[in-house]
């Protein structure tokens, strides 16, 4: 309810989230809310932490400061990422969002290491924790509730605009709820039984160390998550499936393969693929079909689509029987789903070339040479005049 109220209040045409400008405003709204809430939490916790010399609370306050810093960097990232394409950056600037998220992750790790070191020094110096106010419990309790709302807020906004940065912020806020809950529990224990527990001065810095490790692990996970789209990750199956189903629904399309996607940001996707058409259909008619698919599918899903036209023989008895045979021997070879495409039979004087591509999943563990040898031998058994020409595609 609050989220929709804020969207209506600050974002014009707020439901049109595929519009880059509307998406940018969602990002700016989310990061601005994050900056304000994290600043309030940092001020409250750092005051209480310094007064009581509770390093676990100070660590948590520093974590809120790093969260605020991450929001500031994300805000700058959203602003820069919205810049249009130019001569030096023809694919746009949306990957800046990933770069800012990576910087934030590294800042989180550095701050966690510093606070872990400080907690260790407190153990060495045997510094005791002083708790003499209920304000600590109130601040930590409110902090948990606010962080829980913040996590939900980020998660909702990340889904609306498909933002990796906001998704990471949502998980980070949820982690903060867990860490602050642990601090609150330890604080209550020290307040009630602190004088009765041997070596009670160790409890607070140990929790501080544990939280530092927890934050470091979170930071490393964020580094991995933000590096993935920069390196180049595979297309999400749930994203890809409806696109391919729509393309296959066109009359005159007999198959789709060699699908490749290149993401240059959450709303900038370049995709190329091959579409199989009947070789007997006039090439101009098939070309028109491909043009229509590129334009219509590209607009529907907001992608820059390039399609290669593959004419195939669909009414040859020889190829039909060979296709059925290939399907059966591939099933015999492995339970892994291995597909093939671009099957052609080119007759010669001395031998006949059977040419096709096979698509093998990366995680299958299948050796390229083994499967090529297996298929070549089995095809030779099918017809000793057949010479196999096989290309491997990894999917």
Protein backbone atom coordinates (compact mmCIF):
# COMPACT_ATOMS: atom_id res chain seq x y z
CA UNK A 1 0.00 0.00 0.00
CA UNK A 2 2.77 2.45 0.98
CA UNK A 3 4.79 1.38 -2.08
CA UNK A 4 1.94 2.10 -4.50
CA UNK A 5 1.27 5.41 -2.74
CA UNK A 6 4.91 6.47 -3.21
CA UNK A 7 4.86 5.38 -6.85
CA UNK A 8 1.68 7.34 -7.56
CA UNK A 9 3.04 10.36 -5.70
CA UNK A 10 6.46 10.59 -7.38
CA UNK A 11 6.19 8.72 -10.71
CA UNK A 12 4.05 9.79 -13.63
CA UNK A 13 2.74 6.88 -15.74
CA UNK A 14 4.11 4.56 -13.02
CA UNK A 15 2.65 1.37 -14.54
CA UNK A 16 4.66 1.70 -17.77
CA UNK A 17 7.77 0.10 -16.21
CA UNK A 18 9.23 -0.95 -19.59
CA UNK A 19 9.76 2.70 -20.45
CA UNK A 20 13.43 3.54 -19.63
CA UNK A 21 12.48 6.90 -18.07
CA UNK A 22 9.79 5.33 -15.87
CA UNK A 23 12.23 2.58 -14.90
CA UNK A 24 14.83 5.19 -13.99
CA UNK A 25 12.33 7.01 -11.74
CA UNK A 26 11.50 3.74 -9.96
CA UNK A 27 15.20 3.20 -9.32
CA UNK A 28 15.68 6.75 -8.06
CA UNK A 29 12.65 6.44 -5.76
CA UNK A 30 13.85 3.12 -4.32
CA UNK A 31 17.40 4.34 -3.71
CA UNK A 32 16.20 7.64 -2.20
CA UNK A 33 13.98 5.79 0.29
CA UNK A 34 16.96 3.54 1.07
CA UNK A 35 19.27 6.51 1.69
CA UNK A 36 16.83 8.17 4.12
CA UNK A 37 15.97 5.01 6.11
CA UNK A 38 19.56 3.78 6.34
CA UNK A 39 20.77 7.23 7.42
CA UNK A 40 18.23 7.29 10.26
CA UNK A 41 19.24 3.79 11.35
CA UNK A 42 22.96 4.64 11.21
CA UNK A 43 22.57 7.78 13.35
CA UNK A 44 20.45 6.01 15.98
CA UNK A 45 22.71 2.95 16.22
CA UNK A 46 26.04 4.77 16.19
CA UNK A 47 24.90 7.01 19.06
CA UNK A 48 23.74 4.03 21.14
CA UNK A 49 26.80 1.98 20.18
CA UNK A 50 29.28 4.69 21.19
CA UNK A 51 27.46 5.45 24.46
CA UNK A 52 27.42 1.78 25.50
CA UNK A 53 30.70 0.85 23.73
CA UNK A 54 28.84 -2.11 22.16
CA UNK A 55 30.87 -3.12 19.12
CA UNK A 56 28.21 -5.43 17.73
CA UNK A 57 25.83 -2.44 17.59
CA UNK A 58 28.57 -0.23 16.11
CA UNK A 59 29.24 -2.95 13.52
CA UNK A 60 25.55 -3.01 12.66
CA UNK A 61 25.55 0.80 12.41
CA UNK A 62 28.49 0.68 10.00
CA UNK A 63 26.58 -1.92 8.00
CA UNK A 64 23.68 0.57 7.73
CA UNK A 65 26.19 3.22 6.61
CA UNK A 66 27.46 0.88 3.90
CA UNK A 67 23.84 0.24 2.89
CA UNK A 68 23.33 4.00 2.58
CA UNK A 69 26.50 4.28 0.52
CA UNK A 70 25.28 1.49 -1.72
CA UNK A 71 21.99 3.36 -2.21
CA UNK A 72 23.89 6.52 -3.18
CA UNK A 73 26.02 4.58 -5.67
CA UNK A 74 22.91 2.82 -7.01
CA UNK A 75 21.20 6.19 -7.42
CA UNK A 76 24.15 7.49 -9.42
CA UNK A 77 24.17 4.20 -11.34
CA UNK A 78 20.49 4.49 -12.27
CA UNK A 79 21.04 8.06 -13.42
CA UNK A 80 24.08 7.24 -15.57
CA UNK A 81 22.56 4.00 -16.88
CA UNK A 82 19.61 5.94 -18.28
CA UNK A 83 21.87 7.88 -20.68
CA UNK A 84 21.06 7.07 -24.33
CA UNK A 85 23.46 5.26 -26.64
CA UNK A 86 26.21 7.31 -28.25
CA UNK A 87 29.06 6.83 -30.72
CA UNK A 88 31.44 5.36 -28.12
CA UNK A 89 28.74 3.24 -26.46
CA UNK A 90 26.34 2.12 -29.23
CA UNK A 91 24.61 -0.39 -26.93
CA UNK A 92 23.78 2.18 -24.25
CA UNK A 93 25.00 2.63 -20.66
CA UNK A 94 22.75 0.31 -18.64
CA UNK A 95 25.62 -1.92 -17.54
CA UNK A 96 26.77 0.96 -15.31
CA UNK A 97 24.10 -0.28 -12.89
CA UNK A 98 26.02 -3.56 -12.55
CA UNK A 99 29.33 -1.73 -12.08
CA UNK A 100 27.94 0.39 -9.23
CA UNK A 101 26.51 -2.74 -7.61
CA UNK A 102 29.98 -4.33 -7.84
CA UNK A 103 31.61 -1.28 -6.17
CA UNK A 104 29.01 -1.41 -3.39
CA UNK A 105 29.76 -5.10 -2.81
CA UNK A 106 33.48 -4.40 -2.44
CA UNK A 107 32.79 -1.52 -0.01
CA UNK A 108 30.64 -3.85 2.12
CA UNK A 109 33.47 -6.41 2.29
CA UNK A 110 36.11 -3.79 3.23
CA UNK A 111 33.97 -2.31 6.02
CA UNK A 112 33.19 -5.77 7.38
CA UNK A 113 36.90 -6.62 7.54
CA UNK A 114 37.63 -3.39 9.43
CA UNK A 115 34.86 -4.03 11.96
CA UNK A 116 35.98 -7.64 12.41
CA UNK A 117 39.47 -6.40 13.23
CA UNK A 118 38.04 -3.90 15.74
CA UNK A 119 36.06 -6.66 17.47
CA UNK A 120 39.19 -8.81 17.73
CA UNK A 121 41.06 -5.90 19.34
CA UNK A 122 38.24 -5.55 21.88
CA UNK A 123 38.78 -9.17 22.90
CA UNK A 124 42.53 -8.61 23.24
CA UNK A 125 41.99 -5.48 25.36
CA UNK A 126 39.20 -7.14 27.41
CA UNK A 127 36.89 -4.18 26.99
CA UNK A 128 33.56 -4.69 28.76
CA UNK A 129 30.18 -3.69 27.37
CA UNK A 130 28.09 -1.26 29.39
CA UNK A 131 24.32 -1.50 29.08
CA UNK A 132 22.21 0.70 31.30
CA UNK A 133 19.32 1.89 29.11
CA UNK A 134 16.20 0.43 27.54
CA UNK A 135 16.69 2.76 24.56
CA UNK A 136 19.05 0.14 23.09
CA UNK A 137 16.25 -2.41 22.92
CA UNK A 138 13.83 0.10 21.42
CA UNK A 139 16.29 1.22 18.73
CA UNK A 140 17.22 -2.34 17.75
CA UNK A 141 13.57 -3.45 17.71
CA UNK A 142 12.54 -0.57 15.46
CA UNK A 143 15.57 -1.25 13.29
CA UNK A 144 14.45 -4.85 12.70
CA UNK A 145 10.95 -3.74 11.69
CA UNK A 146 12.25 -0.99 9.40
CA UNK A 147 14.77 -3.31 7.73
CA UNK A 148 12.07 -5.93 7.18
CA UNK A 149 9.88 -3.33 5.45
CA UNK A 150 12.90 -2.10 3.50
CA UNK A 151 13.60 -5.63 2.24
CA UNK A 152 10.00 -6.01 1.07
CA UNK A 153 10.11 -2.55 -0.55
CA UNK A 154 13.29 -3.33 -2.51
CA UNK A 155 11.99 -6.76 -3.54
CA UNK A 156 8.74 -5.29 -4.88
CA UNK A 157 10.57 -2.55 -6.80
CA UNK A 158 13.18 -4.99 -8.18
CA UNK A 159 10.42 -7.19 -9.60
CA UNK A 160 8.66 -4.20 -11.14
CA UNK A 161 11.75 -3.01 -13.05
CA UNK A 162 13.82 -6.22 -13.19
CA UNK A 163 16.76 -4.71 -11.29
CA UNK A 164 19.70 -6.83 -10.11
CA UNK A 165 20.91 -3.97 -7.89
CA UNK A 166 17.59 -3.63 -6.03
CA UNK A 167 17.27 -7.39 -5.71
CA UNK A 168 20.68 -7.46 -4.03
CA UNK A 169 19.62 -4.60 -1.74
CA UNK A 170 16.50 -6.57 -0.77
CA UNK A 171 18.56 -9.60 0.24
CA UNK A 172 21.03 -7.38 2.07
CA UNK A 173 18.20 -5.79 4.08
CA UNK A 174 16.84 -9.23 4.96
CA UNK A 175 20.32 -10.24 6.12
CA UNK A 176 20.39 -7.10 8.28
CA UNK A 177 17.13 -8.21 9.93
CA UNK A 178 18.78 -11.49 10.90
CA UNK A 179 22.00 -9.88 12.17
CA UNK A 180 20.18 -7.17 14.14
CA UNK A 181 17.89 -9.80 15.69
CA UNK A 182 21.00 -11.66 16.85
CA UNK A 183 22.42 -8.45 18.31
CA UNK A 184 19.14 -7.73 20.13
CA UNK A 185 19.15 -11.21 21.64
CA UNK A 186 22.76 -10.87 22.82
CA UNK A 187 22.05 -7.38 24.18
CA UNK A 188 19.14 -8.71 26.26
CA UNK A 189 21.32 -11.56 27.57
CA UNK A 190 24.07 -9.13 28.62
CA UNK A 191 21.59 -6.74 30.21
CA UNK A 192 19.87 -9.43 32.30
CA UNK A 193 22.67 -11.91 33.07
CA UNK A 194 25.85 -10.02 32.17
CA UNK A 195 27.30 -10.05 35.72
CA UNK A 196 26.60 -13.75 36.18
CA UNK A 197 28.16 -15.03 32.92
CA UNK A 198 31.93 -15.80 33.06
CA UNK A 199 33.93 -13.89 30.46
CA UNK A 200 30.80 -11.96 29.44
CA UNK A 201 33.05 -9.32 27.83
CA UNK A 202 33.71 -11.87 25.07
CA UNK A 203 30.08 -12.15 23.98
CA UNK A 204 29.72 -8.79 22.26
CA UNK A 205 32.99 -8.85 20.24
CA UNK A 206 32.41 -12.49 19.25
CA UNK A 207 28.99 -11.52 17.90
CA UNK A 208 30.69 -8.58 16.17
CA UNK A 209 33.18 -10.98 14.53
CA UNK A 210 30.38 -13.37 13.52
CA UNK A 211 28.44 -10.50 11.96
CA UNK A 212 31.56 -9.30 10.13
CA UNK A 213 32.01 -12.78 8.64
CA UNK A 214 28.30 -12.84 7.76
CA UNK A 215 28.57 -9.46 5.99
CA UNK A 216 31.75 -10.55 4.15
CA UNK A 217 29.99 -13.66 2.85
CA UNK A 218 27.04 -11.52 1.75
CA UNK A 219 29.43 -9.13 0.01
CA UNK A 220 31.15 -11.97 -1.85
CA UNK A 221 27.78 -13.31 -3.01
CA UNK A 222 26.86 -9.85 -4.26
CA UNK A 223 30.19 -9.63 -6.14
CA UNK A 224 29.45 -12.94 -7.87
CA UNK A 225 25.88 -11.90 -8.69
CA UNK A 226 26.85 -8.53 -10.14
CA UNK A 227 29.83 -9.92 -12.08
CA UNK A 228 27.69 -12.54 -13.82
CA UNK A 229 25.85 -10.16 -16.21
CA UNK A 230 29.10 -8.26 -16.85
CA UNK A 231 30.89 -11.45 -17.88
CA UNK A 232 27.89 -12.63 -19.90
CA UNK A 233 25.35 -15.04 -18.40
CA UNK A 234 23.03 -17.46 -20.19
CA UNK A 235 19.43 -16.55 -20.95
CA UNK A 236 16.85 -17.38 -18.30
CA UNK A 237 14.65 -20.26 -19.49
CA UNK A 238 11.46 -18.62 -18.16
CA UNK A 239 12.34 -15.48 -20.13
CA UNK A 240 13.29 -17.32 -23.31
CA UNK A 241 10.50 -19.93 -23.50
CA UNK A 242 7.55 -17.62 -24.39
CA UNK A 243 9.65 -15.84 -27.04
CA UNK A 244 10.49 -19.09 -28.81
CA UNK A 245 6.91 -20.36 -28.53
CA UNK A 246 5.64 -17.17 -30.15
CA UNK A 247 8.13 -17.48 -33.01
CA UNK A 248 7.22 -21.14 -33.60
CA UNK A 249 3.53 -20.20 -33.75
CA UNK A 250 4.04 -18.38 -37.07
CA UNK A 251 2.83 -20.31 -40.10
CA UNK A 252 5.83 -21.33 -42.18
CA UNK A 253 8.25 -21.71 -39.22
CA UNK A 254 9.43 -25.33 -38.79
CA UNK A 255 11.98 -24.88 -36.03
CA UNK A 256 14.19 -22.49 -34.08
CA UNK A 257 17.80 -23.06 -33.02
CA UNK A 258 21.19 -21.40 -32.34
CA UNK A 259 19.60 -18.91 -29.94
CA UNK A 260 22.03 -16.35 -28.53
CA UNK A 261 21.24 -13.43 -26.24
CA UNK A 262 23.44 -10.51 -25.23
CA UNK A 263 22.23 -8.33 -22.35
CA UNK A 264 23.56 -4.79 -22.13
CA UNK A 265 21.32 -3.93 -19.19
CA UNK A 266 17.93 -4.84 -17.70
CA UNK A 267 15.99 -3.37 -20.65
CA UNK A 268 18.58 -3.72 -23.44
CA UNK A 269 18.64 -7.21 -24.93
CA UNK A 270 20.14 -8.19 -28.28
CA UNK A 271 19.11 -11.63 -29.51
CA UNK A 272 19.98 -13.66 -32.60
CA UNK A 273 18.58 -17.02 -33.70
CA UNK A 274 18.00 -19.27 -36.70
CA UNK A 275 14.51 -20.00 -38.04
CA UNK A 276 13.86 -23.01 -40.27
CA UNK A 277 11.63 -22.49 -43.32
CA UNK A 278 10.56 -24.70 -46.23
CA UNK A 279 13.17 -24.59 -49.00
CA UNK A 280 10.42 -24.78 -51.66
CA UNK A 281 8.83 -21.48 -50.59
CA UNK A 282 9.92 -18.46 -52.62
CA UNK A 283 12.88 -16.79 -50.91
CA UNK A 284 11.22 -13.35 -51.00
CA UNK A 285 8.14 -14.76 -49.25
CA UNK A 286 10.28 -16.43 -46.57
CA UNK A 287 12.32 -13.24 -46.16
CA UNK A 288 9.11 -11.26 -45.61
CA UNK A 289 8.05 -13.78 -42.96
CA UNK A 290 11.40 -13.37 -41.16
CA UNK A 291 11.12 -9.55 -41.30
CA UNK A 292 7.63 -9.69 -39.79
CA UNK A 293 8.82 -11.96 -36.95
CA UNK A 294 11.79 -9.69 -36.19
CA UNK A 295 9.59 -6.58 -36.00
CA UNK A 296 6.61 -8.05 -34.15
CA UNK A 297 8.50 -10.19 -31.62
CA UNK A 298 11.10 -7.46 -31.10
CA UNK A 299 8.43 -4.89 -30.21
CA UNK A 300 6.40 -7.32 -28.06
CA UNK A 301 9.34 -8.31 -25.83
CA UNK A 302 11.43 -5.15 -26.14
CA UNK A 303 14.44 -6.89 -27.70
CA UNK A 304 16.72 -6.15 -30.66
CA UNK A 305 16.10 -9.32 -32.66
CA UNK A 306 18.13 -10.62 -35.62
CA UNK A 307 17.01 -13.80 -37.38
CA UNK A 308 18.98 -15.98 -39.80
CA UNK A 309 16.80 -17.86 -42.28
CA UNK A 310 17.56 -21.59 -42.66
CA UNK A 311 15.83 -23.27 -45.63
CA UNK A 312 15.28 -27.00 -44.92
CA UNK A 313 13.89 -29.96 -46.82
CA UNK A 314 10.69 -31.05 -45.10
CA UNK A 315 9.16 -33.52 -47.58
CA UNK A 316 12.09 -35.83 -48.37
CA UNK A 317 11.46 -39.51 -47.39
CA UNK A 318 15.22 -40.05 -47.06
CA UNK A 319 15.67 -37.17 -44.60
CA UNK A 320 12.49 -38.05 -42.68
CA UNK A 321 13.72 -41.62 -42.09
CA UNK A 322 17.20 -40.39 -41.21
CA UNK A 323 15.76 -37.83 -38.77
CA UNK A 324 13.77 -40.56 -37.00
CA UNK A 325 16.88 -42.75 -36.83
CA UNK A 326 19.02 -39.93 -35.37
CA UNK A 327 16.39 -39.25 -32.68
CA UNK A 328 16.41 -42.92 -31.65
CA UNK A 329 20.21 -43.33 -31.45
CA UNK A 330 20.60 -40.09 -29.50
CA UNK A 331 18.13 -41.41 -26.91
CA UNK A 332 20.16 -44.62 -26.73
CA UNK A 333 23.39 -42.67 -26.20
CA UNK A 334 22.27 -40.54 -23.27
CA UNK A 335 19.30 -39.67 -21.07
CA UNK A 336 20.34 -36.04 -21.45
CA UNK A 337 18.12 -34.14 -23.89
CA UNK A 338 20.32 -33.75 -27.00
CA UNK A 339 18.71 -32.10 -30.02
CA UNK A 340 19.88 -31.70 -33.60
CA UNK A 341 19.09 -29.31 -36.43
CA UNK A 342 20.09 -28.26 -39.96
CA UNK A 343 20.00 -31.88 -41.16
CA UNK A 344 21.08 -32.08 -44.80
CA UNK A 345 22.01 -34.92 -47.13
CA UNK A 346 24.47 -33.98 -49.91
CA UNK A 347 25.02 -36.75 -52.45
CA UNK A 348 28.37 -37.24 -54.21
CA UNK A 349 29.95 -39.75 -56.59
CA UNK A 350 31.91 -41.75 -54.02
CA UNK A 351 29.99 -40.99 -50.83
CA UNK A 352 27.11 -38.97 -49.40
CA UNK A 353 27.62 -36.35 -46.69
CA UNK A 354 25.14 -36.28 -43.81
CA UNK A 355 25.48 -32.80 -42.32
CA UNK A 356 23.85 -31.63 -39.10
CA UNK A 357 24.41 -29.77 -35.81
CA UNK A 358 23.79 -31.24 -32.36
CA UNK A 359 23.00 -29.14 -29.29
CA UNK A 360 24.45 -30.49 -26.01
CA UNK A 361 23.80 -28.93 -22.56
CA UNK A 362 26.95 -27.57 -20.86
CA UNK A 363 26.28 -29.55 -17.67
CA UNK A 364 25.82 -32.89 -19.46
CA UNK A 365 29.45 -34.01 -19.06
CA UNK A 366 29.38 -35.46 -22.59
CA UNK A 367 32.70 -35.43 -24.45
CA UNK A 368 32.48 -33.91 -27.94
CA UNK A 369 34.80 -36.47 -29.54
CA UNK A 370 32.95 -39.42 -27.99
CA UNK A 371 29.52 -38.42 -29.25
CA UNK A 372 30.82 -37.52 -32.72
CA UNK A 373 32.52 -40.92 -32.99
CA UNK A 374 29.40 -42.69 -31.74
CA UNK A 375 27.09 -40.92 -34.21
CA UNK A 376 29.48 -41.38 -37.13
CA UNK A 377 29.69 -45.14 -36.50
CA UNK A 378 25.94 -45.53 -36.07
CA UNK A 379 25.21 -43.53 -39.23
CA UNK A 380 27.75 -45.70 -41.08
CA UNK A 381 25.82 -48.75 -39.85
CA UNK A 382 22.64 -47.18 -41.20
CA UNK A 383 24.24 -46.69 -44.62
CA UNK A 384 27.91 -47.43 -45.26
CA UNK A 385 28.00 -44.75 -47.99
CA UNK A 386 27.13 -42.02 -45.50
CA UNK A 387 29.91 -39.75 -44.27
CA UNK A 388 29.03 -37.68 -41.17
CA UNK A 389 29.81 -33.98 -40.88
CA UNK A 390 28.78 -32.97 -37.36
CA UNK A 391 29.02 -29.61 -35.61
CA UNK A 392 28.71 -29.34 -31.81
CA UNK A 393 26.68 -26.54 -30.21
CA UNK A 394 26.79 -26.08 -26.42
CA UNK A 395 23.61 -24.75 -24.83
